[in-house]
Amino acid sequence: MTNPNGSGSNKDKFLYPRHRYYGEVKPEYIVFNANLQEFAQRVSYTCNLETGGKIAPEVAFRQIKSCWNQLKRSYKGLGIEDEPPNDEDGSKGA
């Protein structure tokens, strides 16, 4: 994957792109964002493998469901769901 000093090869940067986080800076949000990006990458690969006929639809479904459950556990484990929403204008939303 990447080197311990944080610099990855061009191949790693291409295969595992990471994008900067622009949301509210809290450690749990940054960790969840990294997990969310990994989830999106895995789902994309799985969809492409299924579309290309390399894996069966049932296998793709199980893999995506497993990734989803892992993401949900991460979200709950980070305690994000316990925090009330932070609206800038003070409204409750629609």
C-alpha atoms as a PDB file:
ATOM      1  CA  MET A   1       0.000   0.000   0.000  1.00  0.00           C
ATOM      2  CA  THR A   2       1.723   3.186   1.152  1.00  0.00           C
ATOM      3  CA  ASN A   3       5.099   3.785   2.697  1.00  0.00           C
ATOM      4  CA  PRO A   4       5.222   4.297   6.491  1.00  0.00           C
ATOM      5  CA  ASN A   5       6.364   7.883   5.985  1.00  0.00           C
ATOM      6  CA  GLY A   6       3.063   8.695   4.258  1.00  0.00           C
ATOM      7  CA  SER A   7       4.314   9.017   0.693  1.00  0.00           C
ATOM      8  CA  GLY A   8       2.696   6.476  -1.607  1.00  0.00           C
ATOM      9  CA  SER A   9       3.632   5.376  -5.062  1.00  0.00           C
ATOM     10  CA  ASN A  10       1.877   6.810  -8.091  1.00  0.00           C
ATOM     11  CA  LYS A  11       0.106   3.465  -8.479  1.00  0.00           C
ATOM     12  CA  ASP A  12      -1.234   3.639  -4.917  1.00  0.00           C
ATOM     13  CA  LYS A  13      -2.355   7.225  -5.388  1.00  0.00           C
ATOM     14  CA  PHE A  14      -4.187   6.198  -8.553  1.00  0.00           C
ATOM     15  CA  LEU A  15      -5.787   3.049  -7.136  1.00  0.00           C
ATOM     16  CA  TYR A  16      -6.590   4.453  -3.692  1.00  0.00           C
ATOM     17  CA  PRO A  17      -7.311   8.155  -4.129  1.00  0.00           C
ATOM     18  CA  ARG A  18      -7.883  10.229  -1.022  1.00  0.00           C
ATOM     19  CA  HIS A  19      -9.530  13.595  -1.056  1.00  0.00           C
ATOM     20  CA  ARG A  20      -9.184  16.402   1.444  1.00  0.00           C
ATOM     21  CA  TYR A  21     -11.851  16.685   4.138  1.00  0.00           C
ATOM     22  CA  TYR A  22     -13.596  20.080   4.215  1.00  0.00           C
ATOM     23  CA  GLY A  23     -16.183  19.415   6.920  1.00  0.00           C
ATOM     24  CA  GLU A  24     -16.164  20.272  10.610  1.00  0.00           C
ATOM     25  CA  VAL A  25     -12.780  19.285  12.040  1.00  0.00           C
ATOM     26  CA  LYS A  26     -13.313  16.650  14.702  1.00  0.00           C
ATOM     27  CA  PRO A  27     -11.222  13.492  14.970  1.00  0.00           C
ATOM     28  CA  GLU A  28     -14.245  11.198  14.654  1.00  0.00           C
ATOM     29  CA  TYR A  29     -15.460  13.034  11.542  1.00  0.00           C
ATOM     30  CA  ILE A  30     -12.072  12.754   9.874  1.00  0.00           C
ATOM     31  CA  VAL A  31     -11.863   9.027  10.662  1.00  0.00           C
ATOM     32  CA  PHE A  32     -15.391   8.457   9.384  1.00  0.00           C
ATOM     33  CA  ASN A  33     -14.614  10.397   6.214  1.00  0.00           C
ATOM     34  CA  ALA A  34     -11.630   8.110   5.550  1.00  0.00           C
ATOM     35  CA  ASN A  35     -13.859   5.077   6.155  1.00  0.00           C
ATOM     36  CA  LEU A  36     -16.514   6.524   3.846  1.00  0.00           C
ATOM     37  CA  GLN A  37     -13.975   7.065   1.073  1.00  0.00           C
ATOM     38  CA  GLU A  38     -12.741   3.488   1.455  1.00  0.00           C
ATOM     39  CA  PHE A  39     -16.359   2.246   1.314  1.00  0.00           C
ATOM     40  CA  ALA A  40     -16.982   4.196  -1.892  1.00  0.00           C
ATOM     41  CA  GLN A  41     -13.799   2.825  -3.457  1.00  0.00           C
ATOM     42  CA  ARG A  42     -14.665  -0.781  -2.582  1.00  0.00           C
ATOM     43  CA  VAL A  43     -18.235  -0.433  -3.850  1.00  0.00           C
ATOM     44  CA  SER A  44     -16.921   1.048  -7.085  1.00  0.00           C
ATOM     45  CA  TYR A  45     -14.494  -1.851  -7.607  1.00  0.00           C
ATOM     46  CA  THR A  46     -17.185  -4.402  -6.778  1.00  0.00           C
ATOM     47  CA  CYS A  47     -19.662  -2.814  -9.191  1.00  0.00           C
ATOM     48  CA  ASN A  48     -17.055  -2.764 -11.942  1.00  0.00           C
ATOM     49  CA  LEU A  49     -16.174  -6.426 -11.370  1.00  0.00           C
ATOM     50  CA  GLU A  50     -19.853  -7.400 -11.497  1.00  0.00           C
ATOM     51  CA  THR A  51     -20.510  -5.287 -14.587  1.00  0.00           C
ATOM     52  CA  GLY A  52     -17.503  -6.881 -16.304  1.00  0.00           C
ATOM     53  CA  GLY A  53     -18.770 -10.377 -15.524  1.00  0.00           C
ATOM     54  CA  LYS A  54     -15.871 -11.215 -13.194  1.00  0.00           C
ATOM     55  CA  ILE A  55     -18.115 -11.853 -10.178  1.00  0.00           C
ATOM     56  CA  ALA A  56     -21.753 -12.918  -9.874  1.00  0.00           C
ATOM     57  CA  PRO A  57     -24.431 -10.402  -8.838  1.00  0.00           C
ATOM     58  CA  GLU A  58     -25.028 -12.358  -5.628  1.00  0.00           C
ATOM     59  CA  VAL A  59     -21.348 -12.128  -4.701  1.00  0.00           C
ATOM     60  CA  ALA A  60     -21.321  -8.409  -5.463  1.00  0.00           C
ATOM     61  CA  PHE A  61     -24.402  -7.905  -3.300  1.00  0.00           C
ATOM     62  CA  ARG A  62     -22.835  -9.781  -0.370  1.00  0.00           C
ATOM     63  CA  GLN A  63     -19.588  -7.832  -0.670  1.00  0.00           C
ATOM     64  CA  ILE A  64     -21.357  -4.474  -0.778  1.00  0.00           C
ATOM     65  CA  LYS A  65     -23.636  -5.459   2.114  1.00  0.00           C
ATOM     66  CA  SER A  66     -20.584  -6.475   4.154  1.00  0.00           C
ATOM     67  CA  CYS A  67     -18.876  -3.145   3.390  1.00  0.00           C
ATOM     68  CA  TRP A  68     -22.069  -1.285   4.336  1.00  0.00           C
ATOM     69  CA  ASN A  69     -22.329  -3.105   7.667  1.00  0.00           C
ATOM     70  CA  GLN A  70     -18.682  -2.312   8.381  1.00  0.00           C
ATOM     71  CA  LEU A  71     -19.311   1.371   7.624  1.00  0.00           C
ATOM     72  CA  LYS A  72     -22.378   1.392   9.902  1.00  0.00           C
ATOM     73  CA  ARG A  73     -20.360  -0.168  12.752  1.00  0.00           C
ATOM     74  CA  SER A  74     -17.691   2.467  12.227  1.00  0.00           C
ATOM     75  CA  TYR A  75     -20.266   5.262  12.357  1.00  0.00           C
ATOM     76  CA  LYS A  76     -21.840   3.949  15.543  1.00  0.00           C
ATOM     77  CA  GLY A  77     -18.469   3.109  17.109  1.00  0.00           C
ATOM     78  CA  LEU A  78     -17.237   6.652  16.586  1.00  0.00           C
ATOM     79  CA  GLY A  79     -20.286   7.995  18.463  1.00  0.00           C
ATOM     80  CA  ILE A  80     -21.323  10.313  15.684  1.00  0.00           C
ATOM     81  CA  GLU A  81     -24.990   9.344  15.797  1.00  0.00           C
ATOM     82  CA  ASP A  82     -25.258  10.474  19.422  1.00  0.00           C
ATOM     83  CA  GLU A  83     -24.427  14.083  18.551  1.00  0.00           C
ATOM     84  CA  PRO A  84     -27.252  16.485  17.701  1.00  0.00           C
ATOM     85  CA  PRO A  85     -27.154  18.070  14.239  1.00  0.00           C
ATOM     86  CA  ASN A  86     -25.389  21.434  14.135  1.00  0.00           C
ATOM     87  CA  ASP A  87     -27.402  23.846  11.984  1.00  0.00           C
ATOM     88  CA  GLU A  88     -25.757  27.203  11.329  1.00  0.00           C
ATOM     89  CA  ASP A  89     -29.039  29.126  11.330  1.00  0.00           C
ATOM     90  CA  GLY A  90     -30.447  27.379  14.405  1.00  0.00           C
ATOM     91  CA  SER A  91     -33.362  25.846  12.514  1.00  0.00           C
ATOM     92  CA  LYS A  92     -34.352  22.218  12.939  1.00  0.00           C
ATOM     93  CA  GLY A  93     -34.504  21.575   9.191  1.00  0.00           C
ATOM     94  CA  ALA A  94     -37.267  20.133   7.069  1.00  0.00           C
END
